Amino acid sequence: MPLNDREQKILEEIERQFYADDPKLAQTVAKTTLESVSQRWTPIAIGVFVVGVVIMLAFFTNQVLIAGVGFVLMVASAGWIAMDLRRRTTGAGGSGPVEGWISRVRQRWQRDG
């Protein structure tokens, strides 16, 4: 269901107010890409994976619950890494700013509604 004129005007007013209230944040949001977020979080995910392996191997025979936590850390970080690799190989997103993503979502919303 697309936005009606009144809702669209309200949304535009909120956007204008956002840019007026905090222009520095608005610029940061406009410049943020999926690629920049990925570059920050993927090394962290790799580190968490290594920590999970170490925890799991260190506590597997003594504390199964703690080893389970290590396993959960491994699975979560491996999932993040796999999603990032998949996104990079398919080329989905990552090239345009967040505004481009928002405009695509708006177009789909209007088209589907």
PDB file of N, CA and C in Angstrom:
ATOM      1  N   MET A   1       0.840  -1.169   0.000  1.00  0.00           N
ATOM      2  CA  MET A   1       0.000   0.000   0.000  1.00  0.00           C
ATOM      3  C   MET A   1       0.889   1.238   0.000  1.00  0.00           C
ATOM      4  N   PRO A   2       0.810   2.047  -1.034  1.00  0.00           N
ATOM      5  CA  PRO A   2       1.664   3.238  -1.104  1.00  0.00           C
ATOM      6  C   PRO A   2       1.182   4.303  -0.118  1.00  0.00           C
ATOM      7  N   LEU A   3       2.090   5.221   0.153  1.00  0.00           N
ATOM      8  CA  LEU A   3       1.744   6.338   1.027  1.00  0.00           C
ATOM      9  C   LEU A   3       0.810   7.292   0.294  1.00  0.00           C
ATOM     10  N   ASN A   4      -0.172   7.815   1.014  1.00  0.00           N
ATOM     11  CA  ASN A   4      -1.021   8.827   0.387  1.00  0.00           C
ATOM     12  C   ASN A   4      -0.299  10.172   0.452  1.00  0.00           C
ATOM     13  N   ASP A   5      -0.879  11.183  -0.143  1.00  0.00           N
ATOM     14  CA  ASP A   5      -0.222  12.494  -0.226  1.00  0.00           C
ATOM     15  C   ASP A   5       0.080  13.064   1.153  1.00  0.00           C
ATOM     16  N   ARG A   6      -0.850  12.934   2.065  1.00  0.00           N
ATOM     17  CA  ARG A   6      -0.660  13.479   3.410  1.00  0.00           C
ATOM     18  C   ARG A   6       0.518  12.781   4.103  1.00  0.00           C
ATOM     19  N   GLU A   7       0.571  11.449   4.016  1.00  0.00           N
ATOM     20  CA  GLU A   7       1.661  10.697   4.631  1.00  0.00           C
ATOM     21  C   GLU A   7       2.998  11.011   3.968  1.00  0.00           C
ATOM     22  N   GLN A   8       2.991  11.185   2.671  1.00  0.00           N
ATOM     23  CA  GLN A   8       4.215  11.529   1.950  1.00  0.00           C
ATOM     24  C   GLN A   8       4.729  12.898   2.393  1.00  0.00           C
ATOM     25  N   LYS A   9       3.831  13.863   2.573  1.00  0.00           N
ATOM     26  CA  LYS A   9       4.235  15.195   3.036  1.00  0.00           C
ATOM     27  C   LYS A   9       4.791  15.130   4.451  1.00  0.00           C
ATOM     28  N   ILE A  10       4.171  14.303   5.301  1.00  0.00           N
ATOM     29  CA  ILE A  10       4.673  14.148   6.665  1.00  0.00           C
ATOM     30  C   ILE A  10       6.076  13.560   6.641  1.00  0.00           C
ATOM     31  N   LEU A  11       6.292  12.542   5.822  1.00  0.00           N
ATOM     32  CA  LEU A  11       7.613  11.922   5.704  1.00  0.00           C
ATOM     33  C   LEU A  11       8.649  12.921   5.198  1.00  0.00           C
ATOM     34  N   GLU A  12       8.293  13.699   4.207  1.00  0.00           N
ATOM     35  CA  GLU A  12       9.218  14.708   3.681  1.00  0.00           C
ATOM     36  C   GLU A  12       9.536  15.764   4.733  1.00  0.00           C
ATOM     37  N   GLU A  13       8.545  16.136   5.541  1.00  0.00           N
ATOM     38  CA  GLU A  13       8.780  17.107   6.609  1.00  0.00           C
ATOM     39  C   GLU A  13       9.728  16.533   7.661  1.00  0.00           C
ATOM     40  N   ILE A  14       9.555  15.257   7.985  1.00  0.00           N
ATOM     41  CA  ILE A  14      10.454  14.606   8.940  1.00  0.00           C
ATOM     42  C   ILE A  14      11.878  14.592   8.389  1.00  0.00           C
ATOM     43  N   GLU A  15      12.032  14.296   7.108  1.00  0.00           N
ATOM     44  CA  GLU A  15      13.362  14.295   6.484  1.00  0.00           C
ATOM     45  C   GLU A  15      13.984  15.679   6.517  1.00  0.00           C
ATOM     46  N   ARG A  16      13.219  16.704   6.170  1.00  0.00           N
ATOM     47  CA  ARG A  16      13.741  18.080   6.199  1.00  0.00           C
ATOM     48  C   ARG A  16      14.154  18.460   7.615  1.00  0.00           C
ATOM     49  N   GLN A  17      13.341  18.091   8.580  1.00  0.00           N
ATOM     50  CA  GLN A  17      13.650  18.410   9.972  1.00  0.00           C
ATOM     51  C   GLN A  17      14.905  17.669  10.430  1.00  0.00           C
ATOM     52  N   PHE A  18      15.062  16.442   9.991  1.00  0.00           N
ATOM     53  CA  PHE A  18      16.254  15.664  10.318  1.00  0.00           C
ATOM     54  C   PHE A  18      17.502  16.352   9.779  1.00  0.00           C
ATOM     55  N   TYR A  19      17.458  16.767   8.512  1.00  0.00           N
ATOM     56  CA  TYR A  19      18.611  17.443   7.914  1.00  0.00           C
ATOM     57  C   TYR A  19      18.872  18.788   8.582  1.00  0.00           C
ATOM     58  N   ALA A  20      17.823  19.495   9.005  1.00  0.00           N
ATOM     59  CA  ALA A  20      17.998  20.795   9.651  1.00  0.00           C
ATOM     60  C   ALA A  20      18.528  20.639  11.078  1.00  0.00           C
ATOM     61  N   ASP A  21      18.035  19.642  11.810  1.00  0.00           N
ATOM     62  CA  ASP A  21      18.421  19.478  13.209  1.00  0.00           C
ATOM     63  C   ASP A  21      19.856  18.988  13.377  1.00  0.00           C
ATOM     64  N   ASP A  22      20.275  18.059  12.552  1.00  0.00           N
ATOM     65  CA  ASP A  22      21.610  17.486  12.703  1.00  0.00           C
ATOM     66  C   ASP A  22      22.231  17.240  11.330  1.00  0.00           C
ATOM     67  N   PRO A  23      22.743  18.298  10.701  1.00  0.00           N
ATOM     68  CA  PRO A  23      23.294  18.127   9.349  1.00  0.00           C
ATOM     69  C   PRO A  23      24.512  17.194   9.301  1.00  0.00           C
ATOM     70  N   LYS A  24      25.298  17.167  10.371  1.00  0.00           N
ATOM     71  CA  LYS A  24      26.474  16.293  10.377  1.00  0.00           C
ATOM     72  C   LYS A  24      26.043  14.824  10.352  1.00  0.00           C
ATOM     73  N   LEU A  25      25.063  14.465  11.176  1.00  0.00           N
ATOM     74  CA  LEU A  25      24.546  13.102  11.170  1.00  0.00           C
ATOM     75  C   LEU A  25      23.899  12.764   9.835  1.00  0.00           C
ATOM     76  N   ALA A  26      23.175  13.722   9.273  1.00  0.00           N
ATOM     77  CA  ALA A  26      22.531  13.499   7.978  1.00  0.00           C
ATOM     78  C   ALA A  26      23.573  13.220   6.894  1.00  0.00           C
ATOM     79  N   GLN A  27      24.693  13.945   6.929  1.00  0.00           N
ATOM     80  CA  GLN A  27      25.761  13.695   5.949  1.00  0.00           C
ATOM     81  C   GLN A  27      26.377  12.318   6.163  1.00  0.00           C
ATOM     82  N   THR A  28      26.581  11.952   7.418  1.00  0.00           N
ATOM     83  CA  THR A  28      27.154  10.643   7.720  1.00  0.00           C
ATOM     84  C   THR A  28      26.252   9.530   7.219  1.00  0.00           C
ATOM     85  N   VAL A  29      24.957   9.667   7.453  1.00  0.00           N
ATOM     86  CA  VAL A  29      23.999   8.654   6.999  1.00  0.00           C
ATOM     87  C   VAL A  29      23.973   8.597   5.475  1.00  0.00           C
ATOM     88  N   ALA A  30      24.037   9.752   4.833  1.00  0.00           N
ATOM     89  CA  ALA A  30      23.997   9.793   3.370  1.00  0.00           C
ATOM     90  C   ALA A  30      25.237   9.149   2.752  1.00  0.00           C
ATOM     91  N   LYS A  31      26.379   9.258   3.431  1.00  0.00           N
ATOM     92  CA  LYS A  31      27.629   8.727   2.879  1.00  0.00           C
ATOM     93  C   LYS A  31      27.879   7.264   3.253  1.00  0.00           C
ATOM     94  N   THR A  32      27.138   6.762   4.223  1.00  0.00           N
ATOM     95  CA  THR A  32      27.355   5.394   4.687  1.00  0.00           C
ATOM     96  C   THR A  32      26.866   4.401   3.638  1.00  0.00           C
ATOM     97  N   THR A  33      27.736   3.454   3.327  1.00  0.00           N
ATOM     98  CA  THR A  33      27.376   2.411   2.374  1.00  0.00           C
ATOM     99  C   THR A  33      27.430   1.059   3.075  1.00  0.00           C
ATOM    100  N   LEU A  34      26.833   0.090   2.459  1.00  0.00           N
ATOM    101  CA  LEU A  34      26.872  -1.266   2.990  1.00  0.00           C
ATOM    102  C   LEU A  34      28.312  -1.773   3.012  1.00  0.00           C
ATOM    103  N   GLU A  35      29.098  -1.357   2.052  1.00  0.00           N
ATOM    104  CA  GLU A  35      30.497  -1.767   1.982  1.00  0.00           C
ATOM    105  C   GLU A  35      31.290  -1.234   3.170  1.00  0.00           C
ATOM    106  N   SER A  36      31.063   0.023   3.550  1.00  0.00           N
ATOM    107  CA  SER A  36      31.813   0.592   4.667  1.00  0.00           C
ATOM    108  C   SER A  36      31.440  -0.093   5.979  1.00  0.00           C
ATOM    109  N   VAL A  37      30.179  -0.442   6.138  1.00  0.00           N
ATOM    110  CA  VAL A  37      29.752  -1.160   7.338  1.00  0.00           C
ATOM    111  C   VAL A  37      30.377  -2.548   7.354  1.00  0.00           C
ATOM    112  N   SER A  38      30.398  -3.193   6.204  1.00  0.00           N
ATOM    113  CA  SER A  38      30.970  -4.533   6.088  1.00  0.00           C
ATOM    114  C   SER A  38      32.463  -4.516   6.402  1.00  0.00           C
ATOM    115  N   GLN A  39      33.172  -3.507   5.926  1.00  0.00           N
ATOM    116  CA  GLN A  39      34.605  -3.427   6.177  1.00  0.00           C
ATOM    117  C   GLN A  39      34.914  -3.270   7.653  1.00  0.00           C
ATOM    118  N   ARG A  40      33.989  -2.669   8.395  1.00  0.00           N
ATOM    119  CA  ARG A  40      34.193  -2.522   9.827  1.00  0.00           C
ATOM    120  C   ARG A  40      33.893  -3.803  10.584  1.00  0.00           C
ATOM    121  N   TRP A  41      32.829  -4.495  10.227  1.00  0.00           N
ATOM    122  CA  TRP A  41      32.341  -5.615  11.029  1.00  0.00           C
ATOM    123  C   TRP A  41      32.917  -6.968  10.650  1.00  0.00           C
ATOM    124  N   THR A  42      33.366  -7.164   9.441  1.00  0.00           N
ATOM    125  CA  THR A  42      33.894  -8.473   9.041  1.00  0.00           C
ATOM    126  C   THR A  42      35.153  -8.861   9.819  1.00  0.00           C
ATOM    127  N   PRO A  43      36.116  -7.973  10.013  1.00  0.00           N
ATOM    128  CA  PRO A  43      37.270  -8.368  10.844  1.00  0.00           C
ATOM    129  C   PRO A  43      36.873  -8.700  12.282  1.00  0.00           C
ATOM    130  N   ILE A  44      35.878  -8.010  12.801  1.00  0.00           N
ATOM    131  CA  ILE A  44      35.389  -8.316  14.142  1.00  0.00           C
ATOM    132  C   ILE A  44      34.770  -9.709  14.160  1.00  0.00           C
ATOM    133  N   ALA A  45      34.005 -10.039  13.119  1.00  0.00           N
ATOM    134  CA  ALA A  45      33.378 -11.358  13.032  1.00  0.00           C
ATOM    135  C   ALA A  45      34.436 -12.457  12.949  1.00  0.00           C
ATOM    136  N   ILE A  46      35.502 -12.195  12.231  1.00  0.00           N
ATOM    137  CA  ILE A  46      36.589 -13.188  12.142  1.00  0.00           C
ATOM    138  C   ILE A  46      37.233 -13.381  13.514  1.00  0.00           C
ATOM    139  N   GLY A  47      37.458 -12.289  14.223  1.00  0.00           N
ATOM    140  CA  GLY A  47      38.015 -12.386  15.578  1.00  0.00           C
ATOM    141  C   GLY A  47      37.096 -13.138  16.523  1.00  0.00           C
ATOM    142  N   VAL A  48      35.799 -12.877  16.441  1.00  0.00           N
ATOM    143  CA  VAL A  48      34.836 -13.578  17.291  1.00  0.00           C
ATOM    144  C   VAL A  48      34.825 -15.071  16.955  1.00  0.00           C
ATOM    145  N   PHE A  49      34.960 -15.408  15.685  1.00  0.00           N
ATOM    146  CA  PHE A  49      35.016 -16.810  15.288  1.00  0.00           C
ATOM    147  C   PHE A  49      36.212 -17.500  15.939  1.00  0.00           C
ATOM    148  N   VAL A  50      37.369 -16.861  15.882  1.00  0.00           N
ATOM    149  CA  VAL A  50      38.584 -17.443  16.480  1.00  0.00           C
ATOM    150  C   VAL A  50      38.407 -17.591  17.987  1.00  0.00           C
ATOM    151  N   VAL A  51      37.841 -16.578  18.637  1.00  0.00           N
ATOM    152  CA  VAL A  51      37.590 -16.661  20.079  1.00  0.00           C
ATOM    153  C   VAL A  51      36.622 -17.811  20.380  1.00  0.00           C
ATOM    154  N   GLY A  52      35.599 -17.966  19.549  1.00  0.00           N
ATOM    155  CA  GLY A  52      34.655 -19.068  19.740  1.00  0.00           C
ATOM    156  C   GLY A  52      35.316 -20.420  19.628  1.00  0.00           C
ATOM    157  N   VAL A  53      36.217 -20.579  18.664  1.00  0.00           N
ATOM    158  CA  VAL A  53      36.946 -21.848  18.510  1.00  0.00           C
ATOM    159  C   VAL A  53      37.796 -22.123  19.747  1.00  0.00           C
ATOM    160  N   VAL A  54      38.500 -21.089  20.215  1.00  0.00           N
ATOM    161  CA  VAL A  54      39.364 -21.259  21.383  1.00  0.00           C
ATOM    162  C   VAL A  54      38.530 -21.631  22.607  1.00  0.00           C
ATOM    163  N   ILE A  55      37.421 -20.933  22.823  1.00  0.00           N
ATOM    164  CA  ILE A  55      36.558 -21.237  23.970  1.00  0.00           C
ATOM    165  C   ILE A  55      36.022 -22.658  23.866  1.00  0.00           C
ATOM    166  N   MET A  56      35.559 -23.030  22.691  1.00  0.00           N
ATOM    167  CA  MET A  56      34.988 -24.355  22.527  1.00  0.00           C
ATOM    168  C   MET A  56      36.028 -25.447  22.796  1.00  0.00           C
ATOM    169  N   LEU A  57      37.210 -25.298  22.234  1.00  0.00           N
ATOM    170  CA  LEU A  57      38.241 -26.316  22.422  1.00  0.00           C
ATOM    171  C   LEU A  57      38.776 -26.341  23.854  1.00  0.00           C
ATOM    172  N   ALA A  58      38.849 -25.199  24.506  1.00  0.00           N
ATOM    173  CA  ALA A  58      39.401 -25.135  25.858  1.00  0.00           C
ATOM    174  C   ALA A  58      38.449 -25.732  26.893  1.00  0.00           C
ATOM    175  N   PHE A  59      37.150 -25.583  26.679  1.00  0.00           N
ATOM    176  CA  PHE A  59      36.191 -25.993  27.705  1.00  0.00           C
ATOM    177  C   PHE A  59      35.347 -27.204  27.320  1.00  0.00           C
ATOM    178  N   PHE A  60      35.641 -27.844  26.212  1.00  0.00           N
ATOM    179  CA  PHE A  60      34.779 -28.925  25.736  1.00  0.00           C
ATOM    180  C   PHE A  60      34.683 -30.082  26.728  1.00  0.00           C
ATOM    181  N   THR A  61      35.793 -30.464  27.339  1.00  0.00           N
ATOM    182  CA  THR A  61      35.760 -31.610  28.253  1.00  0.00           C
ATOM    183  C   THR A  61      35.352 -31.216  29.668  1.00  0.00           C
ATOM    184  N   ASN A  62      35.603 -29.974  30.070  1.00  0.00           N
ATOM    185  CA  ASN A  62      35.332 -29.556  31.446  1.00  0.00           C
ATOM    186  C   ASN A  62      33.938 -28.941  31.593  1.00  0.00           C
ATOM    187  N   GLN A  63      33.674 -27.928  30.840  1.00  0.00           N
ATOM    188  CA  GLN A  63      32.440 -27.150  30.968  1.00  0.00           C
ATOM    189  C   GLN A  63      31.713 -27.146  29.620  1.00  0.00           C
ATOM    190  N   VAL A  64      30.801 -28.059  29.455  1.00  0.00           N
ATOM    191  CA  VAL A  64      30.105 -28.195  28.177  1.00  0.00           C
ATOM    192  C   VAL A  64      29.273 -26.949  27.877  1.00  0.00           C
ATOM    193  N   LEU A  65      28.707 -26.327  28.897  1.00  0.00           N
ATOM    194  CA  LEU A  65      27.892 -25.123  28.685  1.00  0.00           C
ATOM    195  C   LEU A  65      28.731 -23.972  28.121  1.00  0.00           C
ATOM    196  N   ILE A  66      29.913 -23.778  28.677  1.00  0.00           N
ATOM    197  CA  ILE A  66      30.795 -22.724  28.168  1.00  0.00           C
ATOM    198  C   ILE A  66      31.256 -23.073  26.761  1.00  0.00           C
ATOM    199  N   ALA A  67      31.524 -24.343  26.499  1.00  0.00           N
ATOM    200  CA  ALA A  67      31.891 -24.770  25.147  1.00  0.00           C
ATOM    201  C   ALA A  67      30.742 -24.501  24.183  1.00  0.00           C
ATOM    202  N   GLY A  68      29.505 -24.673  24.655  1.00  0.00           N
ATOM    203  CA  GLY A  68      28.336 -24.369  23.827  1.00  0.00           C
ATOM    204  C   GLY A  68      28.266 -22.896  23.479  1.00  0.00           C
ATOM    205  N   VAL A  69      28.622 -22.033  24.427  1.00  0.00           N
ATOM    206  CA  VAL A  69      28.652 -20.593  24.149  1.00  0.00           C
ATOM    207  C   VAL A  69      29.690 -20.303  23.069  1.00  0.00           C
ATOM    208  N   GLY A  70      30.835 -20.949  23.158  1.00  0.00           N
ATOM    209  CA  GLY A  70      31.859 -20.781  22.121  1.00  0.00           C
ATOM    210  C   GLY A  70      31.354 -21.231  20.763  1.00  0.00           C
ATOM    211  N   PHE A  71      30.604 -22.338  20.747  1.00  0.00           N
ATOM    212  CA  PHE A  71      30.046 -22.834  19.493  1.00  0.00           C
ATOM    213  C   PHE A  71      29.038 -21.834  18.911  1.00  0.00           C
ATOM    214  N   VAL A  72      28.191 -21.275  19.774  1.00  0.00           N
ATOM    215  CA  VAL A  72      27.209 -20.281  19.312  1.00  0.00           C
ATOM    216  C   VAL A  72      27.917 -19.058  18.737  1.00  0.00           C
ATOM    217  N   LEU A  73      28.989 -18.615  19.382  1.00  0.00           N
ATOM    218  CA  LEU A  73      29.778 -17.499  18.846  1.00  0.00           C
ATOM    219  C   LEU A  73      30.334 -17.840  17.464  1.00  0.00           C
ATOM    220  N   MET A  74      30.837 -19.067  17.329  1.00  0.00           N
ATOM    221  CA  MET A  74      31.369 -19.497  16.040  1.00  0.00           C
ATOM    222  C   MET A  74      30.299 -19.484  14.961  1.00  0.00           C
ATOM    223  N   VAL A  75      29.144 -20.037  15.264  1.00  0.00           N
ATOM    224  CA  VAL A  75      28.078 -20.125  14.268  1.00  0.00           C
ATOM    225  C   VAL A  75      27.590 -18.732  13.869  1.00  0.00           C
ATOM    226  N   ALA A  76      27.402 -17.852  14.856  1.00  0.00           N
ATOM    227  CA  ALA A  76      26.917 -16.499  14.557  1.00  0.00           C
ATOM    228  C   ALA A  76      27.922 -15.736  13.698  1.00  0.00           C
ATOM    229  N   SER A  77      29.192 -15.799  14.069  1.00  0.00           N
ATOM    230  CA  SER A  77      30.189 -15.071  13.286  1.00  0.00           C
ATOM    231  C   SER A  77      30.396 -15.699  11.915  1.00  0.00           C
ATOM    232  N   ALA A  78      30.320 -17.022  11.821  1.00  0.00           N
ATOM    233  CA  ALA A  78      30.435 -17.670  10.511  1.00  0.00           C
ATOM    234  C   ALA A  78      29.267 -17.278   9.619  1.00  0.00           C
ATOM    235  N   GLY A  79      28.084 -17.145  10.204  1.00  0.00           N
ATOM    236  CA  GLY A  79      26.931 -16.684   9.433  1.00  0.00           C
ATOM    237  C   GLY A  79      27.129 -15.289   8.902  1.00  0.00           C
ATOM    238  N   TRP A  80      27.666 -14.402   9.746  1.00  0.00           N
ATOM    239  CA  TRP A  80      27.927 -13.026   9.302  1.00  0.00           C
ATOM    240  C   TRP A  80      28.950 -13.025   8.165  1.00  0.00           C
ATOM    241  N   ILE A  81      30.014 -13.778   8.319  1.00  0.00           N
ATOM    242  CA  ILE A  81      31.065 -13.825   7.298  1.00  0.00           C
ATOM    243  C   ILE A  81      30.501 -14.396   5.997  1.00  0.00           C
ATOM    244  N   ALA A  82      29.696 -15.445   6.087  1.00  0.00           N
ATOM    245  CA  ALA A  82      29.113 -16.050   4.888  1.00  0.00           C
ATOM    246  C   ALA A  82      28.180 -15.075   4.175  1.00  0.00           C
ATOM    247  N   MET A  83      27.362 -14.359   4.939  1.00  0.00           N
ATOM    248  CA  MET A  83      26.468 -13.367   4.307  1.00  0.00           C
ATOM    249  C   MET A  83      27.265 -12.278   3.621  1.00  0.00           C
ATOM    250  N   ASP A  84      28.360 -11.846   4.254  1.00  0.00           N
ATOM    251  CA  ASP A  84      29.183 -10.799   3.654  1.00  0.00           C
ATOM    252  C   ASP A  84      29.846 -11.298   2.376  1.00  0.00           C
ATOM    253  N   LEU A  85      30.378 -12.502   2.398  1.00  0.00           N
ATOM    254  CA  LEU A  85      31.005 -13.056   1.195  1.00  0.00           C
ATOM    255  C   LEU A  85      29.984 -13.239   0.077  1.00  0.00           C
ATOM    256  N   ARG A  86      28.807 -13.684   0.427  1.00  0.00           N
ATOM    257  CA  ARG A  86      27.742 -13.864  -0.567  1.00  0.00           C
ATOM    258  C   ARG A  86      27.345 -12.533  -1.199  1.00  0.00           C
ATOM    259  N   ARG A  87      27.224 -11.507  -0.358  1.00  0.00           N
ATOM    260  CA  ARG A  87      26.867 -10.187  -0.868  1.00  0.00           C
ATOM    261  C   ARG A  87      27.956  -9.645  -1.792  1.00  0.00           C
ATOM    262  N   ARG A  88      29.206  -9.883  -1.416  1.00  0.00           N
ATOM    263  CA  ARG A  88      30.310  -9.394  -2.248  1.00  0.00           C
ATOM    264  C   ARG A  88      30.375 -10.116  -3.591  1.00  0.00           C
ATOM    265  N   THR A  89      30.131 -11.420  -3.605  1.00  0.00           N
ATOM    266  CA  THR A  89      30.237 -12.172  -4.851  1.00  0.00           C
ATOM    267  C   THR A  89      29.046 -11.924  -5.767  1.00  0.00           C
ATOM    268  N   THR A  90      27.869 -11.682  -5.192  1.00  0.00           N
ATOM    269  CA  THR A  90      26.704 -11.415  -6.038  1.00  0.00           C
ATOM    270  C   THR A  90      26.640  -9.962  -6.460  1.00  0.00           C
ATOM    271  N   GLY A  91      27.374  -9.097  -5.763  1.00  0.00           N
ATOM    272  CA  GLY A  91      27.368  -7.683  -6.112  1.00  0.00           C
ATOM    273  C   GLY A  91      26.111  -6.963  -5.674  1.00  0.00           C
ATOM    274  N   ALA A  92      25.334  -7.563  -4.789  1.00  0.00           N
ATOM    275  CA  ALA A  92      24.105  -6.930  -4.321  1.00  0.00           C
ATOM    276  C   ALA A  92      24.446  -5.838  -3.337  1.00  0.00           C
ATOM    277  N   GLY A  93      23.989  -4.647  -3.623  1.00  0.00           N
ATOM    278  CA  GLY A  93      24.195  -3.510  -2.729  1.00  0.00           C
ATOM    279  C   GLY A  93      25.662  -3.161  -2.626  1.00  0.00           C
ATOM    280  N   GLY A  94      25.989  -2.366  -1.607  1.00  0.00           N
ATOM    281  CA  GLY A  94      27.362  -2.047  -1.331  1.00  0.00           C
ATOM    282  C   GLY A  94      27.933  -0.925  -2.164  1.00  0.00           C
ATOM    283  N   SER A  95      27.333  -0.589  -3.288  1.00  0.00           N
ATOM    284  CA  SER A  95      27.937   0.433  -4.118  1.00  0.00           C
ATOM    285  C   SER A  95      27.299   1.788  -3.918  1.00  0.00           C
ATOM    286  N   GLY A  96      26.030   1.819  -3.582  1.00  0.00           N
ATOM    287  CA  GLY A  96      25.343   3.089  -3.432  1.00  0.00           C
ATOM    288  C   GLY A  96      25.166   3.466  -1.985  1.00  0.00           C
ATOM    289  N   PRO A  97      24.904   4.743  -1.743  1.00  0.00           N
ATOM    290  CA  PRO A  97      24.686   5.168  -0.375  1.00  0.00           C
ATOM    291  C   PRO A  97      23.344   4.685   0.153  1.00  0.00           C
ATOM    292  N   VAL A  98      23.144   4.901   1.420  1.00  0.00           N
ATOM    293  CA  VAL A  98      21.909   4.466   2.072  1.00  0.00           C
ATOM    294  C   VAL A  98      20.699   5.119   1.408  1.00  0.00           C
ATOM    295  N   GLU A  99      20.854   6.337   0.941  1.00  0.00           N
ATOM    296  CA  GLU A  99      19.738   7.017   0.274  1.00  0.00           C
ATOM    297  C   GLU A  99      19.268   6.244  -0.947  1.00  0.00           C
ATOM    298  N   GLY A 100      20.191   5.657  -1.688  1.00  0.00           N
ATOM    299  CA  GLY A 100      19.815   4.856  -2.845  1.00  0.00           C
ATOM    300  C   GLY A 100      19.003   3.647  -2.440  1.00  0.00           C
ATOM    301  N   TRP A 101      19.387   3.031  -1.338  1.00  0.00           N
ATOM    302  CA  TRP A 101      18.643   1.884  -0.829  1.00  0.00           C
ATOM    303  C   TRP A 101      17.251   2.310  -0.398  1.00  0.00           C
ATOM    304  N   ILE A 102      17.169   3.433   0.276  1.00  0.00           N
ATOM    305  CA  ILE A 102      15.862   3.931   0.729  1.00  0.00           C
ATOM    306  C   ILE A 102      14.973   4.246  -0.458  1.00  0.00           C
ATOM    307  N   SER A 103      15.523   4.844  -1.494  1.00  0.00           N
ATOM    308  CA  SER A 103      14.697   5.164  -2.666  1.00  0.00           C
ATOM    309  C   SER A 103      14.218   3.896  -3.368  1.00  0.00           C
ATOM    310  N   ARG A 104      15.048   2.845  -3.398  1.00  0.00           N
ATOM    311  CA  ARG A 104      14.609   1.576  -3.985  1.00  0.00           C
ATOM    312  C   ARG A 104      13.482   0.956  -3.171  1.00  0.00           C
ATOM    313  N   VAL A 105      13.590   1.044  -1.847  1.00  0.00           N
ATOM    314  CA  VAL A 105      12.526   0.512  -0.990  1.00  0.00           C
ATOM    315  C   VAL A 105      11.239   1.296  -1.225  1.00  0.00           C
ATOM    316  N   ARG A 106      11.345   2.606  -1.343  1.00  0.00           N
ATOM    317  CA  ARG A 106      10.156   3.423  -1.611  1.00  0.00           C
ATOM    318  C   ARG A 106       9.522   3.042  -2.949  1.00  0.00           C
ATOM    319  N   GLN A 107      10.338   2.838  -3.965  1.00  0.00           N
ATOM    320  CA  GLN A 107       9.807   2.465  -5.269  1.00  0.00           C
ATOM    321  C   GLN A 107       9.091   1.121  -5.203  1.00  0.00           C
ATOM    322  N   ARG A 108       9.672   0.157  -4.513  1.00  0.00           N
ATOM    323  CA  ARG A 108       9.014  -1.143  -4.372  1.00  0.00           C
ATOM    324  C   ARG A 108       7.703  -1.005  -3.602  1.00  0.00           C
ATOM    325  N   TRP A 109       7.719  -0.190  -2.562  1.00  0.00           N
ATOM    326  CA  TRP A 109       6.522   0.023  -1.747  1.00  0.00           C
ATOM    327  C   TRP A 109       5.406   0.594  -2.586  1.00  0.00           C
ATOM    328  N   GLN A 110       5.744   1.573  -3.408  1.00  0.00           N
ATOM    329  CA  GLN A 110       4.727   2.211  -4.250  1.00  0.00           C
ATOM    330  C   GLN A 110       4.260   1.261  -5.354  1.00  0.00           C
ATOM    331  N   ARG A 111       5.173   0.485  -5.901  1.00  0.00           N
ATOM    332  CA  ARG A 111       4.838  -0.440  -6.982  1.00  0.00           C
ATOM    333  C   ARG A 111       3.956  -1.590  -6.475  1.00  0.00           C
ATOM    334  N   ASP A 112       4.320  -2.132  -5.305  1.00  0.00           N
ATOM    335  CA  ASP A 112       3.581  -3.284  -4.787  1.00  0.00           C
ATOM    336  C   ASP A 112       2.205  -2.898  -4.220  1.00  0.00           C
ATOM    337  N   GLY A 113       2.082  -1.667  -3.794  1.00  0.00           N
ATOM    338  CA  GLY A 113       0.825  -1.249  -3.143  1.00  0.00           C
ATOM    339  C   GLY A 113      -0.199  -0.853  -4.098  1.00  0.00           C
TER     340      GLY A 113
END
